[in-house]
Amino acid sequence: MKEFRLDGKVALITGAARGLGATMARTLADGGAKVVIADILDQEGRNTAAELGADGLFAHLDVTREAGWDAVIADTVRHFGGLDVVVNNAAIETTALFADCTLDEFNRTMEVNAAGTFLGVKHAIRAMRPGGASGRGGAIVNISSGAGLKGSLGLGAYCASKGAVRLMTKAAAVECGRLDYGIRVNSVHPGLIKTEMGIKTLKDYVRLGLMPDEPAVEAAFVNAHLLGLGRPQDIANAVYYLASDAARWVTGIELPVDGGYFAA
């Protein structure tokens, strides 16, 4: 089972100060990885990094700012001696009907979710490929969404951004494979997880008049998932697998972790 261990690996996770990203950070650290908590939430990020002790490091990062990526990756390599895993998890969600969604809302959603992931992929490749700052290959895991595979009511901008992440992942996997970079690139597509973002979605459905109240929204989402709603740990486990050498022959996939949402 040693291929499932992450001993000696260095991982950078965006949006890892809290919620889903923080669970990923703890899970990868439990498997032996050194983990950089990258986020714009400084105090929460430092707290999460402190939980990991010497295996954790906080780095302030706005994923939409390219200079920040340069600095954080350089600091990661300098502090931990390399970079093996990048998880592009940072995201925002805009809940609005197409007729009411502003262009600013749409552009901001695309900037964080799609452009932020693009910059993460770009700079991970530059660091991991032969001749890069780390130069020993690695794994990139992009967190898309069930909404990146299927249209969802009231989530047009979010669907567009997460669909972009899905195909960007495949294009990067092809490029890294064809050019023999030794880098695998995969995407994970969660169903509804009751994180702060997931709870916001439930509330927004009521705000938009799409459901009468929060219990009704939750019941509808639970019914849509054959195994009920997921936990952050369910997504973290999938990320852990794709980051590990157990997935050495896995690249370019879209992995739904959705409690059967797409099977129903």
C-alpha atoms as a PDB file:
ATOM      1  CA  MET A   1       0.000   0.000   0.000  1.00  0.00           C
ATOM      2  CA  LYS A   2       3.022   2.312  -0.034  1.00  0.00           C
ATOM      3  CA  GLU A   3       1.889   3.914  -3.313  1.00  0.00           C
ATOM      4  CA  PHE A   4      -1.025   5.414  -1.405  1.00  0.00           C
ATOM      5  CA  ARG A   5       1.336   7.246   0.944  1.00  0.00           C
ATOM      6  CA  LEU A   6       2.409  10.839   0.269  1.00  0.00           C
ATOM      7  CA  ASP A   7       5.668  10.769   2.194  1.00  0.00           C
ATOM      8  CA  GLY A   8       8.211  13.157   0.683  1.00  0.00           C
ATOM      9  CA  LYS A   9       5.610  15.018  -1.404  1.00  0.00           C
ATOM     10  CA  VAL A  10       4.914  18.742  -1.189  1.00  0.00           C
ATOM     11  CA  ALA A  11       1.394  19.953  -1.933  1.00  0.00           C
ATOM     12  CA  LEU A  12      -0.037  23.425  -2.487  1.00  0.00           C
ATOM     13  CA  ILE A  13      -3.803  23.807  -2.040  1.00  0.00           C
ATOM     14  CA  THR A  14      -5.667  27.011  -2.890  1.00  0.00           C
ATOM     15  CA  GLY A  15      -8.684  28.104  -0.894  1.00  0.00           C
ATOM     16  CA  ALA A  16      -7.441  25.896   1.928  1.00  0.00           C
ATOM     17  CA  ALA A  17      -7.995  28.172   4.917  1.00  0.00           C
ATOM     18  CA  ARG A  18     -11.357  26.610   5.731  1.00  0.00           C
ATOM     19  CA  GLY A  19     -14.088  24.279   4.489  1.00  0.00           C
ATOM     20  CA  LEU A  20     -13.328  21.814   1.743  1.00  0.00           C
ATOM     21  CA  GLY A  21      -9.760  23.025   1.195  1.00  0.00           C
ATOM     22  CA  ALA A  22      -8.852  22.774   4.869  1.00  0.00           C
ATOM     23  CA  THR A  23     -10.107  19.185   4.954  1.00  0.00           C
ATOM     24  CA  MET A  24      -7.962  18.411   1.910  1.00  0.00           C
ATOM     25  CA  ALA A  25      -4.939  19.943   3.633  1.00  0.00           C
ATOM     26  CA  ARG A  26      -5.410  17.857   6.778  1.00  0.00           C
ATOM     27  CA  THR A  27      -5.963  14.695   4.747  1.00  0.00           C
ATOM     28  CA  LEU A  28      -2.848  15.106   2.599  1.00  0.00           C
ATOM     29  CA  ALA A  29      -0.786  15.955   5.677  1.00  0.00           C
ATOM     30  CA  ASP A  30      -2.104  12.828   7.415  1.00  0.00           C
ATOM     31  CA  GLY A  31      -0.785  10.866   4.438  1.00  0.00           C
ATOM     32  CA  GLY A  32       2.722  12.260   4.875  1.00  0.00           C
ATOM     33  CA  ALA A  33       2.734  15.362   2.638  1.00  0.00           C
ATOM     34  CA  LYS A  34       4.052  18.807   3.456  1.00  0.00           C
ATOM     35  CA  VAL A  35       1.194  21.220   2.692  1.00  0.00           C
ATOM     36  CA  VAL A  36       1.048  24.889   1.748  1.00  0.00           C
ATOM     37  CA  ILE A  37      -2.259  26.514   2.714  1.00  0.00           C
ATOM     38  CA  ALA A  38      -2.806  29.207   0.070  1.00  0.00           C
ATOM     39  CA  ASP A  39      -5.683  31.624   0.614  1.00  0.00           C
ATOM     40  CA  ILE A  40      -6.703  35.269   0.940  1.00  0.00           C
ATOM     41  CA  LEU A  41      -8.050  34.574   4.459  1.00  0.00           C
ATOM     42  CA  ASP A  42      -4.896  35.228   6.425  1.00  0.00           C
ATOM     43  CA  GLN A  43      -5.865  34.437  10.012  1.00  0.00           C
ATOM     44  CA  GLU A  44      -7.933  31.364   9.159  1.00  0.00           C
ATOM     45  CA  GLY A  45      -5.160  30.182   6.856  1.00  0.00           C
ATOM     46  CA  ARG A  46      -2.533  30.566   9.564  1.00  0.00           C
ATOM     47  CA  ASN A  47      -4.745  28.666  11.992  1.00  0.00           C
ATOM     48  CA  THR A  48      -5.162  25.756   9.578  1.00  0.00           C
ATOM     49  CA  ALA A  49      -1.427  25.687   8.834  1.00  0.00           C
ATOM     50  CA  ALA A  50      -0.695  25.724  12.576  1.00  0.00           C
ATOM     51  CA  GLU A  51      -2.776  22.561  12.986  1.00  0.00           C
ATOM     52  CA  LEU A  52      -0.295  20.780  10.710  1.00  0.00           C
ATOM     53  CA  GLY A  53       2.759  21.860  12.696  1.00  0.00           C
ATOM     54  CA  ALA A  54       6.036  21.662  10.778  1.00  0.00           C
ATOM     55  CA  ASP A  55       4.210  20.012   7.873  1.00  0.00           C
ATOM     56  CA  GLY A  56       2.127  23.131   7.206  1.00  0.00           C
ATOM     57  CA  LEU A  57       2.866  26.587   5.809  1.00  0.00           C
ATOM     58  CA  PHE A  58       0.459  29.452   5.141  1.00  0.00           C
ATOM     59  CA  ALA A  59       0.873  31.646   2.066  1.00  0.00           C
ATOM     60  CA  HIS A  60      -1.328  34.602   1.160  1.00  0.00           C
ATOM     61  CA  LEU A  61      -2.525  34.091  -2.401  1.00  0.00           C
ATOM     62  CA  ASP A  62      -5.142  35.758  -4.571  1.00  0.00           C
ATOM     63  CA  VAL A  63      -5.430  33.148  -7.335  1.00  0.00           C
ATOM     64  CA  THR A  64      -6.320  35.807  -9.910  1.00  0.00           C
ATOM     65  CA  ARG A  65      -2.975  37.629  -9.493  1.00  0.00           C
ATOM     66  CA  GLU A  66      -0.137  36.071 -11.491  1.00  0.00           C
ATOM     67  CA  ALA A  67       2.646  37.710  -9.502  1.00  0.00           C
ATOM     68  CA  GLY A  68       1.265  36.053  -6.394  1.00  0.00           C
ATOM     69  CA  TRP A  69       1.591  32.628  -7.981  1.00  0.00           C
ATOM     70  CA  ASP A  70       5.232  33.294  -8.839  1.00  0.00           C
ATOM     71  CA  ALA A  71       5.995  34.296  -5.266  1.00  0.00           C
ATOM     72  CA  VAL A  72       4.087  31.496  -3.524  1.00  0.00           C
ATOM     73  CA  ILE A  73       5.580  28.732  -5.646  1.00  0.00           C
ATOM     74  CA  ALA A  74       9.074  30.129  -5.158  1.00  0.00           C
ATOM     75  CA  ASP A  75       8.475  30.247  -1.388  1.00  0.00           C
ATOM     76  CA  THR A  76       7.096  26.686  -1.428  1.00  0.00           C
ATOM     77  CA  VAL A  77      10.131  25.287  -3.216  1.00  0.00           C
ATOM     78  CA  ARG A  78      12.489  27.234  -0.980  1.00  0.00           C
ATOM     79  CA  HIS A  79      10.753  26.196   2.259  1.00  0.00           C
ATOM     80  CA  PHE A  80       9.969  22.537   1.524  1.00  0.00           C
ATOM     81  CA  GLY A  81      12.481  21.757  -1.220  1.00  0.00           C
ATOM     82  CA  GLY A  82      10.097  21.095  -4.093  1.00  0.00           C
ATOM     83  CA  LEU A  83       6.523  20.941  -5.353  1.00  0.00           C
ATOM     84  CA  ASP A  84       4.711  17.722  -6.296  1.00  0.00           C
ATOM     85  CA  VAL A  85       0.979  18.432  -6.019  1.00  0.00           C
ATOM     86  CA  VAL A  86      -1.141  21.486  -6.798  1.00  0.00           C
ATOM     87  CA  VAL A  87      -4.841  21.431  -5.955  1.00  0.00           C
ATOM     88  CA  ASN A  88      -6.781  24.279  -7.559  1.00  0.00           C
ATOM     89  CA  ASN A  89      -9.689  24.478  -5.137  1.00  0.00           C
ATOM     90  CA  ALA A  90     -10.333  28.213  -4.616  1.00  0.00           C
ATOM     91  CA  ALA A  91     -13.685  29.233  -6.079  1.00  0.00           C
ATOM     92  CA  ILE A  92     -16.743  31.435  -5.678  1.00  0.00           C
ATOM     93  CA  GLU A  93     -20.344  30.722  -6.561  1.00  0.00           C
ATOM     94  CA  THR A  94     -22.790  33.145  -8.148  1.00  0.00           C
ATOM     95  CA  THR A  95     -26.449  32.182  -7.861  1.00  0.00           C
ATOM     96  CA  ALA A  96     -28.570  34.138 -10.322  1.00  0.00           C
ATOM     97  CA  LEU A  97     -30.939  33.533 -13.190  1.00  0.00           C
ATOM     98  CA  PHE A  98     -29.472  34.332 -16.609  1.00  0.00           C
ATOM     99  CA  ALA A  99     -31.889  37.230 -17.082  1.00  0.00           C
ATOM    100  CA  ASP A 100     -30.720  38.797 -13.820  1.00  0.00           C
ATOM    101  CA  CYS A 101     -27.007  37.926 -13.666  1.00  0.00           C
ATOM    102  CA  THR A 102     -24.877  40.996 -14.264  1.00  0.00           C
ATOM    103  CA  LEU A 103     -21.857  40.958 -16.526  1.00  0.00           C
ATOM    104  CA  ASP A 104     -19.703  41.923 -13.551  1.00  0.00           C
ATOM    105  CA  GLU A 105     -20.972  38.887 -11.609  1.00  0.00           C
ATOM    106  CA  PHE A 106     -20.318  36.613 -14.575  1.00  0.00           C
ATOM    107  CA  ASN A 107     -16.839  38.018 -15.185  1.00  0.00           C
ATOM    108  CA  ARG A 108     -15.868  37.771 -11.517  1.00  0.00           C
ATOM    109  CA  THR A 109     -17.001  34.145 -11.380  1.00  0.00           C
ATOM    110  CA  MET A 110     -14.960  33.332 -14.471  1.00  0.00           C
ATOM    111  CA  GLU A 111     -11.965  35.277 -13.147  1.00  0.00           C
ATOM    112  CA  VAL A 112     -11.740  33.358  -9.871  1.00  0.00           C
ATOM    113  CA  ASN A 113     -12.881  29.916 -10.975  1.00  0.00           C
ATOM    114  CA  ALA A 114     -11.549  29.643 -14.533  1.00  0.00           C
ATOM    115  CA  ALA A 115      -8.698  32.164 -14.747  1.00  0.00           C
ATOM    116  CA  GLY A 116      -7.563  31.326 -11.200  1.00  0.00           C
ATOM    117  CA  THR A 117      -7.381  27.653 -12.140  1.00  0.00           C
ATOM    118  CA  PHE A 118      -5.587  28.512 -15.381  1.00  0.00           C
ATOM    119  CA  LEU A 119      -2.885  30.364 -13.454  1.00  0.00           C
ATOM    120  CA  GLY A 120      -2.571  27.469 -11.033  1.00  0.00           C
ATOM    121  CA  VAL A 121      -2.141  24.985 -13.875  1.00  0.00           C
ATOM    122  CA  LYS A 122       0.298  27.258 -15.703  1.00  0.00           C
ATOM    123  CA  HIS A 123       2.587  27.850 -12.748  1.00  0.00           C
ATOM    124  CA  ALA A 124       2.370  24.269 -11.495  1.00  0.00           C
ATOM    125  CA  ILE A 125       3.570  23.074 -14.906  1.00  0.00           C
ATOM    126  CA  ARG A 126       6.377  25.632 -14.999  1.00  0.00           C
ATOM    127  CA  ALA A 127       7.614  24.452 -11.597  1.00  0.00           C
ATOM    128  CA  MET A 128       7.114  20.692 -12.029  1.00  0.00           C
ATOM    129  CA  ARG A 129       8.237  20.066 -15.603  1.00  0.00           C
ATOM    130  CA  PRO A 130      11.839  19.084 -16.405  1.00  0.00           C
ATOM    131  CA  GLY A 131      14.076  22.087 -15.782  1.00  0.00           C
ATOM    132  CA  GLY A 132      11.509  23.781 -13.535  1.00  0.00           C
ATOM    133  CA  ALA A 133      12.062  25.004  -9.998  1.00  0.00           C
ATOM    134  CA  SER A 134      11.092  21.569  -8.696  1.00  0.00           C
ATOM    135  CA  GLY A 135      11.480  19.638 -11.932  1.00  0.00           C
ATOM    136  CA  ARG A 136      10.385  16.184 -10.767  1.00  0.00           C
ATOM    137  CA  GLY A 137       6.901  15.944 -12.272  1.00  0.00           C
ATOM    138  CA  GLY A 138       3.798  15.689 -10.160  1.00  0.00           C
ATOM    139  CA  ALA A 139       0.021  15.890 -10.051  1.00  0.00           C
ATOM    140  CA  ILE A 140      -2.436  18.718 -10.611  1.00  0.00           C
ATOM    141  CA  VAL A 141      -5.956  18.274  -9.278  1.00  0.00           C
ATOM    142  CA  ASN A 142      -8.564  20.813 -10.352  1.00  0.00           C
ATOM    143  CA  ILE A 143     -11.771  21.040  -8.337  1.00  0.00           C
ATOM    144  CA  SER A 144     -14.599  21.491 -10.808  1.00  0.00           C
ATOM    145  CA  SER A 145     -18.175  20.624  -9.818  1.00  0.00           C
ATOM    146  CA  GLY A 146     -21.196  18.587 -10.714  1.00  0.00           C
ATOM    147  CA  ALA A 147     -22.256  21.902 -12.233  1.00  0.00           C
ATOM    148  CA  GLY A 148     -19.298  21.549 -14.591  1.00  0.00           C
ATOM    149  CA  LEU A 149     -20.897  18.439 -16.090  1.00  0.00           C
ATOM    150  CA  LYS A 150     -24.596  19.260 -16.007  1.00  0.00           C
ATOM    151  CA  GLY A 151     -26.675  22.407 -16.249  1.00  0.00           C
ATOM    152  CA  SER A 152     -28.103  23.637 -12.960  1.00  0.00           C
ATOM    153  CA  LEU A 153     -30.972  26.029 -12.320  1.00  0.00           C
ATOM    154  CA  GLY A 154     -29.793  29.454 -11.224  1.00  0.00           C
ATOM    155  CA  LEU A 155     -26.114  28.630 -11.606  1.00  0.00           C
ATOM    156  CA  GLY A 156     -25.375  29.686 -15.179  1.00  0.00           C
ATOM    157  CA  ALA A 157     -22.178  31.643 -14.438  1.00  0.00           C
ATOM    158  CA  TYR A 158     -20.925  28.948 -12.062  1.00  0.00           C
ATOM    159  CA  CYS A 159     -21.671  26.188 -14.601  1.00  0.00           C
ATOM    160  CA  ALA A 160     -19.783  28.123 -17.279  1.00  0.00           C
ATOM    161  CA  SER A 161     -16.737  28.538 -15.042  1.00  0.00           C
ATOM    162  CA  LYS A 162     -16.654  24.948 -13.841  1.00  0.00           C
ATOM    163  CA  GLY A 163     -17.232  23.605 -17.350  1.00  0.00           C
ATOM    164  CA  ALA A 164     -14.183  25.606 -18.382  1.00  0.00           C
ATOM    165  CA  VAL A 165     -12.193  23.942 -15.599  1.00  0.00           C
ATOM    166  CA  ARG A 166     -13.256  20.503 -16.875  1.00  0.00           C
ATOM    167  CA  LEU A 167     -11.965  20.988 -20.433  1.00  0.00           C
ATOM    168  CA  MET A 168      -8.941  22.990 -19.331  1.00  0.00           C
ATOM    169  CA  THR A 169      -7.981  19.950 -17.262  1.00  0.00           C
ATOM    170  CA  LYS A 170      -8.162  17.650 -20.272  1.00  0.00           C
ATOM    171  CA  ALA A 171      -6.170  20.036 -22.465  1.00  0.00           C
ATOM    172  CA  ALA A 172      -3.465  20.335 -19.800  1.00  0.00           C
ATOM    173  CA  ALA A 173      -3.367  16.548 -19.372  1.00  0.00           C
ATOM    174  CA  VAL A 174      -2.848  16.085 -23.118  1.00  0.00           C
ATOM    175  CA  GLU A 175      -0.126  18.734 -23.220  1.00  0.00           C
ATOM    176  CA  CYS A 176       1.743  17.366 -20.209  1.00  0.00           C
ATOM    177  CA  GLY A 177       1.483  13.809 -21.501  1.00  0.00           C
ATOM    178  CA  ARG A 178       2.523  14.525 -25.079  1.00  0.00           C
ATOM    179  CA  LEU A 179       5.463  16.645 -23.960  1.00  0.00           C
ATOM    180  CA  ASP A 180       6.642  14.047 -21.420  1.00  0.00           C
ATOM    181  CA  TYR A 181       6.511  16.431 -18.493  1.00  0.00           C
ATOM    182  CA  GLY A 182       5.734  13.674 -15.986  1.00  0.00           C
ATOM    183  CA  ILE A 183       2.705  15.651 -14.769  1.00  0.00           C
ATOM    184  CA  ARG A 184      -0.781  14.192 -14.396  1.00  0.00           C
ATOM    185  CA  VAL A 185      -3.815  16.509 -14.522  1.00  0.00           C
ATOM    186  CA  ASN A 186      -7.284  15.474 -13.358  1.00  0.00           C
ATOM    187  CA  SER A 187     -10.523  17.103 -12.213  1.00  0.00           C
ATOM    188  CA  VAL A 188     -12.862  16.243  -9.345  1.00  0.00           C
ATOM    189  CA  HIS A 189     -16.583  17.026  -9.603  1.00  0.00           C
ATOM    190  CA  PRO A 190     -18.311  17.193  -6.216  1.00  0.00           C
ATOM    191  CA  GLY A 191     -22.029  16.969  -5.698  1.00  0.00           C
ATOM    192  CA  LEU A 192     -23.546  19.141  -2.983  1.00  0.00           C
ATOM    193  CA  ILE A 193     -21.387  19.313   0.129  1.00  0.00           C
ATOM    194  CA  LYS A 194     -22.676  21.181   3.176  1.00  0.00           C
ATOM    195  CA  THR A 195     -19.791  23.601   3.414  1.00  0.00           C
ATOM    196  CA  GLU A 196     -20.311  27.348   3.725  1.00  0.00           C
ATOM    197  CA  MET A 197     -20.645  27.549  -0.067  1.00  0.00           C
ATOM    198  CA  GLY A 198     -23.111  24.662  -0.191  1.00  0.00           C
ATOM    199  CA  ILE A 199     -25.289  26.220   2.504  1.00  0.00           C
ATOM    200  CA  LYS A 200     -25.199  29.526   0.615  1.00  0.00           C
ATOM    201  CA  THR A 201     -26.624  27.747  -2.442  1.00  0.00           C
ATOM    202  CA  LEU A 202     -29.536  26.423  -0.406  1.00  0.00           C
ATOM    203  CA  LYS A 203     -30.272  29.899   0.940  1.00  0.00           C
ATOM    204  CA  ASP A 204     -29.962  31.469  -2.509  1.00  0.00           C
ATOM    205  CA  TYR A 205     -32.578  29.132  -3.978  1.00  0.00           C
ATOM    206  CA  VAL A 206     -35.025  30.479  -1.400  1.00  0.00           C
ATOM    207  CA  ARG A 207     -33.899  34.068  -2.029  1.00  0.00           C
ATOM    208  CA  LEU A 208     -34.538  33.673  -5.760  1.00  0.00           C
ATOM    209  CA  GLY A 209     -37.992  32.215  -5.135  1.00  0.00           C
ATOM    210  CA  LEU A 210     -37.053  28.855  -6.640  1.00  0.00           C
ATOM    211  CA  MET A 211     -37.990  26.993  -3.449  1.00  0.00           C
ATOM    212  CA  PRO A 212     -40.329  27.950  -0.577  1.00  0.00           C
ATOM    213  CA  ASP A 213     -37.843  27.457   2.268  1.00  0.00           C
ATOM    214  CA  GLU A 214     -34.473  25.934   3.167  1.00  0.00           C
ATOM    215  CA  PRO A 215     -35.839  22.563   4.366  1.00  0.00           C
ATOM    216  CA  ALA A 216     -37.551  22.138   0.993  1.00  0.00           C
ATOM    217  CA  VAL A 217     -34.355  22.969  -0.892  1.00  0.00           C
ATOM    218  CA  GLU A 218     -32.291  20.571   1.191  1.00  0.00           C
ATOM    219  CA  ALA A 219     -34.869  17.802   0.765  1.00  0.00           C
ATOM    220  CA  ALA A 220     -34.771  18.282  -3.014  1.00  0.00           C
ATOM    221  CA  PHE A 221     -30.968  18.105  -3.098  1.00  0.00           C
ATOM    222  CA  VAL A 222     -30.881  15.076  -0.790  1.00  0.00           C
ATOM    223  CA  ASN A 223     -33.375  13.328  -3.064  1.00  0.00           C
ATOM    224  CA  ALA A 224     -31.217  14.102  -6.117  1.00  0.00           C
ATOM    225  CA  HIS A 225     -28.203  12.327  -4.574  1.00  0.00           C
ATOM    226  CA  LEU A 226     -28.724   8.576  -4.255  1.00  0.00           C
ATOM    227  CA  LEU A 227     -26.500   8.422  -1.165  1.00  0.00           C
ATOM    228  CA  GLY A 228     -27.559  11.742   0.344  1.00  0.00           C
ATOM    229  CA  LEU A 229     -25.355  14.798   0.665  1.00  0.00           C
ATOM    230  CA  GLY A 230     -21.589  14.441   0.878  1.00  0.00           C
ATOM    231  CA  ARG A 231     -18.983  15.405   3.463  1.00  0.00           C
ATOM    232  CA  PRO A 232     -15.818  17.416   2.824  1.00  0.00           C
ATOM    233  CA  GLN A 233     -13.864  14.251   3.658  1.00  0.00           C
ATOM    234  CA  ASP A 234     -15.419  12.459   0.663  1.00  0.00           C
ATOM    235  CA  ILE A 235     -13.892  15.009  -1.699  1.00  0.00           C
ATOM    236  CA  ALA A 236     -10.598  15.123   0.183  1.00  0.00           C
ATOM    237  CA  ASN A 237     -10.266  11.346  -0.181  1.00  0.00           C
ATOM    238  CA  ALA A 238     -10.642  11.604  -3.964  1.00  0.00           C
ATOM    239  CA  VAL A 239      -8.046  14.378  -4.127  1.00  0.00           C
ATOM    240  CA  TYR A 240      -5.703  12.300  -1.989  1.00  0.00           C
ATOM    241  CA  TYR A 241      -5.947   9.360  -4.392  1.00  0.00           C
ATOM    242  CA  LEU A 242      -5.267  11.495  -7.464  1.00  0.00           C
ATOM    243  CA  ALA A 243      -2.287  13.108  -5.716  1.00  0.00           C
ATOM    244  CA  SER A 244      -0.767   9.751  -4.806  1.00  0.00           C
ATOM    245  CA  ASP A 245       1.394   7.394  -6.847  1.00  0.00           C
ATOM    246  CA  ALA A 246      -1.500   4.921  -6.722  1.00  0.00           C
ATOM    247  CA  ALA A 247      -2.967   7.075  -9.523  1.00  0.00           C
ATOM    248  CA  ARG A 248       0.261   7.085 -11.564  1.00  0.00           C
ATOM    249  CA  TRP A 249      -1.623   5.865 -14.692  1.00  0.00           C
ATOM    250  CA  VAL A 250      -4.563   8.236 -14.308  1.00  0.00           C
ATOM    251  CA  THR A 251      -4.647  11.531 -16.184  1.00  0.00           C
ATOM    252  CA  GLY A 252      -7.238  13.628 -17.992  1.00  0.00           C
ATOM    253  CA  ILE A 253     -10.191  12.144 -16.111  1.00  0.00           C
ATOM    254  CA  GLU A 254     -13.231  13.856 -14.644  1.00  0.00           C
ATOM    255  CA  LEU A 255     -14.033  12.134 -11.364  1.00  0.00           C
ATOM    256  CA  PRO A 256     -17.571  12.744 -10.063  1.00  0.00           C
ATOM    257  CA  VAL A 257     -17.804  12.348  -6.302  1.00  0.00           C
ATOM    258  CA  ASP A 258     -21.499  12.969  -6.053  1.00  0.00           C
ATOM    259  CA  GLY A 259     -23.388  10.288  -4.136  1.00  0.00           C
ATOM    260  CA  GLY A 260     -24.941   9.033  -7.366  1.00  0.00           C
ATOM    261  CA  TYR A 261     -26.246  12.402  -8.565  1.00  0.00           C
ATOM    262  CA  PHE A 262     -25.347  11.714 -12.191  1.00  0.00           C
ATOM    263  CA  ALA A 263     -26.568   8.128 -12.103  1.00  0.00           C
ATOM    264  CA  ALA A 264     -30.099   9.082 -11.069  1.00  0.00           C
END
